Amino acid sequence: MPELRQDPVSQRWVIIATERAKRPSDFIHPQETKRGPDNCPFCAGKEKETPPEVLAFRDPDTAADTPGWKVRVVPNKFAALRPEGELQSKEQGIYRTLSGVGAHEVIIEHPEHHLFFPDYTTEHAALVLKAWRQRYLQLGQNPKLKYVQIFKNHGQIAGASLEHPHSQLIATPQVPAAVRAEMRRAQNYQDWRGRCIYCDILQAEETNGSRIIALNDNFLAFCPFASRFPFETWILPRNHQPTFGMVDDEQLSDLAFILKEVLGRLKRAVNDPPYNLILHTSPLREEEPAYHWHLELLPRLTIVAGFEWGTDMYINPTPPEAAVRFLLETPGPEEVETNG
């Protein structure tokens, strides 16, 4: 029997379509054709093919825009928004425009072309997340910018135009409407219950246990109750924090570990599917106390079509509990090494 589930934050309904149910193993993704490092501007030794770096963690005594880096951040060569210019607003009747001032940067995560996040050491993965935090904090000092969206597109279907491991950030001069709406719902819950809705979700998931993929001292990773997609995963800090900019080095290390664990299991269970990884955080200089920053991992294993676009309801053929069981039955990296 199909079941409708409602997400407590967005109030969005999701159809868990058991009548058209798919076993998690049905989603094993066909391997994408790798294009290789030829002509890749992100590889070590190709530093002059990108705009000058704005941040790099590199070996001592190596110069900017040369080999020797571990993580490197550069402006996007085909930026959606640019930092130059004044912020100007114009109105034309009912229409409004705003000059395209902002920032669009690429975090090149590793000098090796075919090494991806699950394969990094925990120390290197934490270095990538430190680059996220540092650019988030630095861009937050610009009064023209209101929001920093950090995201990772993995695989061609998910929008990655280059396969070299990288993530991106876009800083905008306005707070996106979806962010405002999510913050408003968190505040409404705080006013109603006197508690953070995300903290209550954490407590509910830890009590239930059937949707937990991984946890450590600082983070919990789980498939949400009303998952829109098979293997959709949220990663929340277990202590309340409104903004990503508040994370310390210990938290980043724990986040790196748990993100490697989740992405590694997904890679081995479903043959490295395309996905989008998205940071949800409070706007710059608006540390909304009711909000709780988190990551959402959205594997691209089903097609969003007319029903979803028309209703903002999603059809998920695999219950999150079944997806978690399948992920946990997949050997971890230590087990693979032991058995291999």
Protein backbone atom coordinates (compact mmCIF):
# COMPACT_ATOMS: atom_id res chain seq x y z
CA MET A 1 0.00 0.00 0.00
CA PRO A 2 1.49 3.41 -0.90
CA GLU A 3 2.12 5.83 1.93
CA LEU A 4 2.29 9.63 2.02
CA ARG A 5 4.87 11.07 4.41
CA GLN A 6 5.25 14.74 5.33
CA ASP A 7 8.60 16.40 5.92
CA PRO A 8 8.33 18.33 9.22
CA VAL A 9 10.50 21.22 8.02
CA SER A 10 9.22 21.97 4.51
CA GLN A 11 5.73 20.51 5.12
CA ARG A 12 6.21 18.87 1.69
CA TRP A 13 4.45 15.57 1.12
CA VAL A 14 6.32 12.62 -0.40
CA ILE A 15 4.70 9.52 -1.85
CA ILE A 16 6.50 6.34 -0.80
CA ALA A 17 5.29 4.32 -3.77
CA THR A 18 5.40 0.75 -2.52
CA GLU A 19 3.18 -0.38 -5.42
CA ARG A 20 6.01 0.49 -7.79
CA ALA A 21 8.69 -0.32 -5.24
CA LYS A 22 12.26 -0.82 -6.29
CA ARG A 23 14.77 -2.73 -4.26
CA PRO A 24 17.85 -0.62 -3.47
CA SER A 25 19.95 -2.91 -5.63
CA ASP A 26 17.82 -1.90 -8.65
CA PHE A 27 19.46 1.53 -8.52
CA ILE A 28 23.00 0.34 -9.25
CA HIS A 29 24.13 3.07 -11.57
CA PRO A 30 25.87 2.30 -14.88
CA GLN A 31 29.44 3.52 -14.78
CA GLU A 32 29.87 6.88 -16.49
CA THR A 33 32.54 7.12 -19.15
CA LYS A 34 35.59 8.83 -17.67
CA ARG A 35 37.08 11.54 -19.85
CA GLY A 36 40.53 11.45 -18.29
CA PRO A 37 42.93 14.22 -17.30
CA ASP A 38 43.79 15.36 -20.83
CA ASN A 39 43.03 19.07 -21.15
CA CYS A 40 41.73 19.23 -17.56
CA PRO A 41 42.51 22.73 -16.18
CA PHE A 42 42.19 21.56 -12.56
CA CYS A 43 45.04 19.04 -12.61
CA ALA A 44 48.38 19.78 -10.96
CA GLY A 45 50.67 21.51 -13.44
CA LYS A 46 47.78 23.30 -15.17
CA GLU A 47 47.51 26.14 -12.65
CA LYS A 48 47.98 28.87 -15.29
CA GLU A 49 44.83 27.65 -17.06
CA THR A 50 42.59 28.87 -14.22
CA PRO A 51 42.14 32.36 -12.79
CA PRO A 52 44.63 33.16 -9.98
CA GLU A 53 43.94 31.28 -6.75
CA VAL A 54 42.21 33.10 -3.89
CA LEU A 55 43.12 30.40 -1.37
CA ALA A 56 45.37 27.36 -1.37
CA PHE A 57 46.65 24.89 1.18
CA ARG A 58 50.04 23.92 -0.22
CA ASP A 59 53.47 22.57 0.61
CA PRO A 60 55.92 24.99 2.24
CA ASP A 61 58.08 27.05 -0.10
CA THR A 62 55.74 26.64 -3.09
CA ALA A 63 54.48 29.72 -4.86
CA ALA A 64 50.87 30.62 -5.65
CA ASP A 65 49.51 29.22 -8.91
CA THR A 66 52.20 26.54 -9.15
CA PRO A 67 52.21 22.82 -8.28
CA GLY A 68 52.56 21.78 -4.66
CA TRP A 69 48.99 22.49 -3.52
CA LYS A 70 46.69 20.13 -1.68
CA VAL A 71 43.42 22.11 -2.00
CA ARG A 72 43.06 25.14 -4.24
CA VAL A 73 40.27 27.75 -4.62
CA VAL A 74 39.92 29.83 -7.78
CA PRO A 75 37.24 32.08 -9.27
CA ASN A 76 35.02 30.25 -11.72
CA LYS A 77 36.18 31.09 -15.24
CA PHE A 78 32.53 31.19 -16.35
CA ALA A 79 31.12 32.88 -13.26
CA ALA A 80 27.38 33.27 -12.70
CA LEU A 81 28.08 36.36 -10.55
CA ARG A 82 31.16 38.58 -10.34
CA PRO A 83 32.59 40.66 -7.48
CA GLU A 84 33.19 43.77 -9.59
CA GLY A 85 30.71 46.64 -9.70
CA GLU A 86 28.23 48.37 -7.47
CA LEU A 87 25.04 46.79 -6.23
CA GLN A 88 22.18 48.59 -7.95
CA SER A 89 18.47 47.86 -7.97
CA LYS A 90 15.99 48.97 -10.62
CA GLU A 91 12.22 48.66 -10.86
CA GLN A 92 10.23 48.55 -14.07
CA GLY A 93 6.58 48.36 -13.16
CA ILE A 94 6.04 45.09 -11.36
CA TYR A 95 9.51 43.86 -12.36
CA ARG A 96 12.74 44.37 -10.44
CA THR A 97 16.36 43.83 -11.40
CA LEU A 98 19.53 43.73 -9.34
CA SER A 99 23.06 44.04 -10.69
CA GLY A 100 24.86 40.68 -10.83
CA VAL A 101 27.35 41.35 -8.06
CA GLY A 102 28.53 38.33 -6.09
CA ALA A 103 31.12 35.60 -6.23
CA HIS A 104 31.41 32.24 -7.95
CA GLU A 105 34.38 30.08 -6.94
CA VAL A 106 35.62 26.54 -7.49
CA ILE A 107 37.17 24.51 -4.68
CA ILE A 108 39.57 22.11 -6.45
CA GLU A 109 39.65 19.38 -3.86
CA HIS A 110 42.70 17.33 -4.84
CA PRO A 111 45.55 17.53 -7.37
CA GLU A 112 44.81 13.95 -8.54
CA HIS A 113 42.25 13.76 -11.33
CA HIS A 114 40.64 10.41 -10.45
CA LEU A 115 40.69 10.60 -6.65
CA PHE A 116 37.28 11.43 -5.18
CA PHE A 117 35.98 12.39 -1.74
CA PRO A 118 35.41 8.85 -0.36
CA ASP A 119 39.02 8.02 -1.30
CA TYR A 120 40.65 10.97 0.49
CA THR A 121 42.33 10.53 3.82
CA THR A 122 40.25 11.99 6.64
CA GLU A 123 42.91 14.69 7.03
CA HIS A 124 42.63 15.70 3.39
CA ALA A 125 38.81 15.63 3.47
CA ALA A 126 38.94 17.94 6.51
CA LEU A 127 41.24 20.26 4.54
CA VAL A 128 38.57 20.54 1.81
CA LEU A 129 35.98 21.45 4.45
CA LYS A 130 38.38 23.99 5.96
CA ALA A 131 38.59 25.64 2.55
CA TRP A 132 34.78 25.79 2.52
CA ARG A 133 34.75 27.42 5.95
CA GLN A 134 37.54 29.88 5.19
CA ARG A 135 35.96 31.15 1.99
CA TYR A 136 32.56 31.29 3.71
CA LEU A 137 34.00 33.49 6.46
CA GLN A 138 36.05 35.65 4.11
CA LEU A 139 33.14 36.33 1.75
CA GLY A 140 30.97 37.03 4.78
CA GLN A 141 33.03 40.16 5.40
CA ASN A 142 31.74 41.70 2.16
CA PRO A 143 28.65 43.79 3.06
CA LYS A 144 27.30 43.45 -0.50
CA LEU A 145 26.89 39.69 -0.08
CA LYS A 146 23.96 38.15 1.81
CA TYR A 147 24.24 34.40 1.30
CA VAL A 148 26.92 31.82 0.45
CA GLN A 149 25.71 28.61 -1.19
CA ILE A 150 28.29 25.83 -1.13
CA PHE A 151 27.52 22.77 -3.22
CA LYS A 152 29.08 19.79 -4.96
CA ASN A 153 27.87 18.31 -8.25
CA HIS A 154 29.21 14.81 -8.83
CA GLY A 155 28.68 13.15 -12.20
CA GLN A 156 27.44 14.48 -15.51
CA ILE A 157 23.75 13.95 -14.72
CA ALA A 158 24.17 16.00 -11.54
CA GLY A 159 25.63 18.91 -13.50
CA ALA A 160 29.39 18.40 -13.20
CA SER A 161 30.93 19.75 -16.40
CA LEU A 162 34.42 18.61 -15.30
CA GLU A 163 35.03 15.27 -13.62
CA HIS A 164 38.10 16.42 -11.63
CA PRO A 165 37.05 16.40 -7.95
CA HIS A 166 35.74 19.83 -7.05
CA SER A 167 32.98 21.70 -5.28
CA GLN A 168 31.69 25.22 -5.77
CA LEU A 169 30.32 28.25 -3.98
CA ILE A 170 28.13 31.06 -5.21
CA ALA A 171 27.69 34.13 -3.00
CA THR A 172 24.59 36.18 -3.77
CA PRO A 173 23.53 39.76 -2.99
CA GLN A 174 20.09 38.53 -1.85
CA VAL A 175 18.96 35.74 0.43
CA PRO A 176 17.28 33.10 -1.77
CA ALA A 177 13.52 32.73 -1.26
CA ALA A 178 13.88 29.01 -0.44
CA VAL A 179 16.33 29.86 2.36
CA ARG A 180 13.99 32.52 3.77
CA ALA A 181 11.11 30.04 3.71
CA GLU A 182 13.12 27.35 5.50
CA MET A 183 14.24 29.81 8.16
CA ARG A 184 10.67 31.03 8.63
CA ARG A 185 9.40 27.49 9.17
CA ALA A 186 12.16 26.86 11.71
CA GLN A 187 11.21 30.05 13.54
CA ASN A 188 7.51 29.13 13.50
CA TYR A 189 8.33 25.77 15.10
CA GLN A 190 10.52 27.49 17.69
CA ASP A 191 7.65 29.85 18.53
CA TRP A 192 5.19 26.94 18.76
CA ARG A 193 7.23 24.33 20.64
CA GLY A 194 10.03 26.41 22.15
CA ARG A 195 12.61 24.10 20.54
CA CYS A 196 14.64 23.75 17.35
CA ILE A 197 12.86 21.58 14.79
CA TYR A 198 16.16 20.08 13.61
CA CYS A 199 17.19 19.19 17.14
CA ASP A 200 13.83 17.42 17.52
CA ILE A 201 14.47 15.57 14.25
CA LEU A 202 17.87 14.47 15.58
CA GLN A 203 16.25 13.17 18.76
CA ALA A 204 13.54 11.35 16.81
CA GLU A 205 16.06 9.70 14.48
CA GLU A 206 18.37 8.63 17.30
CA THR A 207 15.38 7.16 19.15
CA ASN A 208 14.05 5.35 16.08
CA GLY A 209 17.43 4.21 14.74
CA SER A 210 16.16 2.57 11.54
CA ARG A 211 17.20 5.46 9.28
CA ILE A 212 20.68 6.13 10.71
CA ILE A 213 23.63 5.54 8.39
CA ALA A 214 26.45 6.81 10.61
CA LEU A 215 27.07 8.94 13.69
CA ASN A 216 29.96 10.18 15.77
CA ASP A 217 30.42 12.69 18.59
CA ASN A 218 29.51 15.70 16.48
CA PHE A 219 27.35 14.55 13.54
CA LEU A 220 24.48 12.27 12.60
CA ALA A 221 23.87 11.03 9.04
CA PHE A 222 20.46 9.57 8.22
CA CYS A 223 17.95 9.09 5.42
CA PRO A 224 15.10 11.47 6.28
CA PHE A 225 11.63 10.14 7.11
CA ALA A 226 10.10 11.80 4.02
CA SER A 227 13.02 11.19 1.64
CA ARG A 228 12.34 12.67 -1.78
CA PHE A 229 14.84 10.38 -3.50
CA PRO A 230 16.29 6.90 -2.89
CA PHE A 231 19.31 7.21 -0.58
CA GLU A 232 18.69 10.91 0.15
CA THR A 233 20.82 11.69 3.21
CA TRP A 234 20.97 14.55 5.70
CA ILE A 235 24.02 15.22 7.88
CA LEU A 236 23.30 17.38 10.93
CA PRO A 237 25.59 18.64 13.71
CA ARG A 238 24.38 17.06 16.94
CA ASN A 239 24.89 20.31 18.85
CA HIS A 240 22.74 23.24 17.76
CA GLN A 241 24.51 25.70 15.45
CA PRO A 242 22.74 28.23 13.20
CA THR A 243 25.55 28.73 10.69
CA PHE A 244 28.31 26.73 9.06
CA GLY A 245 30.78 29.48 9.91
CA MET A 246 30.62 28.42 13.58
CA VAL A 247 32.22 24.97 13.07
CA ASP A 248 35.59 24.37 14.71
CA ASP A 249 38.45 22.13 13.56
CA GLU A 250 37.32 19.17 15.68
CA GLN A 251 33.87 19.31 14.12
CA LEU A 252 35.34 19.57 10.63
CA SER A 253 37.39 16.44 11.25
CA ASP A 254 34.28 14.55 12.42
CA LEU A 255 32.29 15.89 9.46
CA ALA A 256 35.03 14.79 7.07
CA PHE A 257 34.97 11.29 8.56
CA ILE A 258 31.19 10.90 8.39
CA LEU A 259 30.94 12.39 4.89
CA LYS A 260 33.59 9.95 3.66
CA GLU A 261 31.64 7.12 5.29
CA VAL A 262 28.33 8.07 3.67
CA LEU A 263 29.76 8.77 0.21
CA GLY A 264 31.89 5.66 0.36
CA ARG A 265 28.94 3.42 1.16
CA LEU A 266 26.87 5.07 -1.56
CA LYS A 267 29.72 4.59 -4.06
CA ARG A 268 30.12 0.91 -3.27
CA ALA A 269 26.39 0.14 -2.93
CA VAL A 270 25.10 1.87 -6.07
CA ASN A 271 28.25 2.06 -8.24
CA ASP A 272 29.20 5.70 -7.65
CA PRO A 273 25.95 7.42 -8.68
CA PRO A 274 25.69 11.10 -9.61
CA TYR A 275 24.63 13.32 -6.72
CA ASN A 276 24.28 16.88 -5.50
CA LEU A 277 25.62 17.79 -2.06
CA ILE A 278 24.17 21.05 -0.72
CA LEU A 279 24.96 23.15 2.34
CA HIS A 280 21.98 24.69 4.15
CA THR A 281 23.00 27.51 6.49
CA SER A 282 21.83 30.84 7.90
CA PRO A 283 22.39 33.96 5.77
CA LEU A 284 25.51 36.02 6.33
CA ARG A 285 25.32 38.26 9.39
CA GLU A 286 21.88 36.79 10.19
CA GLU A 287 22.64 33.97 12.58
CA GLU A 288 19.01 32.99 13.04
CA PRO A 289 18.93 31.26 16.48
CA ALA A 290 16.08 28.95 15.45
CA TYR A 291 17.93 27.60 12.41
CA HIS A 292 20.29 24.59 12.35
CA TRP A 293 22.80 24.28 9.50
CA HIS A 294 23.17 20.93 7.75
CA LEU A 295 24.16 19.11 4.56
CA GLU A 296 21.72 17.44 2.19
CA LEU A 297 22.94 14.71 -0.17
CA LEU A 298 20.62 14.11 -3.13
CA PRO A 299 21.53 11.11 -5.34
CA ARG A 300 20.25 11.46 -8.91
CA LEU A 301 18.74 8.00 -9.28
CA THR A 302 15.17 8.92 -10.25
CA ILE A 303 13.79 11.44 -12.71
CA VAL A 304 12.00 14.59 -11.55
CA ALA A 305 9.17 14.96 -14.05
CA GLY A 306 5.82 16.67 -14.58
CA PHE A 307 4.11 15.54 -11.38
CA GLU A 308 6.97 16.72 -9.18
CA TRP A 309 7.35 20.08 -10.95
CA GLY A 310 3.60 20.66 -10.89
CA THR A 311 2.95 19.74 -7.25
CA ASP A 312 6.26 19.97 -5.38
CA MET A 313 5.47 16.43 -4.21
CA TYR A 314 7.94 13.65 -4.94
CA ILE A 315 7.49 9.96 -5.70
CA ASN A 316 10.12 7.81 -4.03
CA PRO A 317 9.94 4.09 -4.92
CA THR A 318 12.22 3.01 -2.05
CA PRO A 319 11.46 3.61 1.65
CA PRO A 320 14.38 5.26 3.46
CA GLU A 321 14.49 2.39 5.96
CA ALA A 322 15.16 -0.07 3.12
CA ALA A 323 17.80 2.22 1.63
CA VAL A 324 19.64 2.40 4.97
CA ARG A 325 19.56 -1.37 5.42
CA PHE A 326 21.11 -1.79 1.99
CA LEU A 327 23.82 0.80 2.69
CA LEU A 328 24.70 -0.81 6.02
CA GLU A 329 24.89 -4.26 4.44
CA THR A 330 27.44 -2.89 1.97
CA PRO A 331 30.98 -3.54 3.23
CA GLY A 332 32.82 -0.54 4.58
CA PRO A 333 36.30 0.36 3.30
CA GLU A 334 38.01 -1.58 6.09
CA GLU A 335 35.90 -4.66 5.32
CA VAL A 336 36.66 -4.34 1.61
CA GLU A 337 40.39 -4.18 2.34
CA THR A 338 40.16 -7.13 4.74
CA ASN A 339 38.16 -9.27 2.32
CA GLY A 340 40.02 -8.15 -0.78
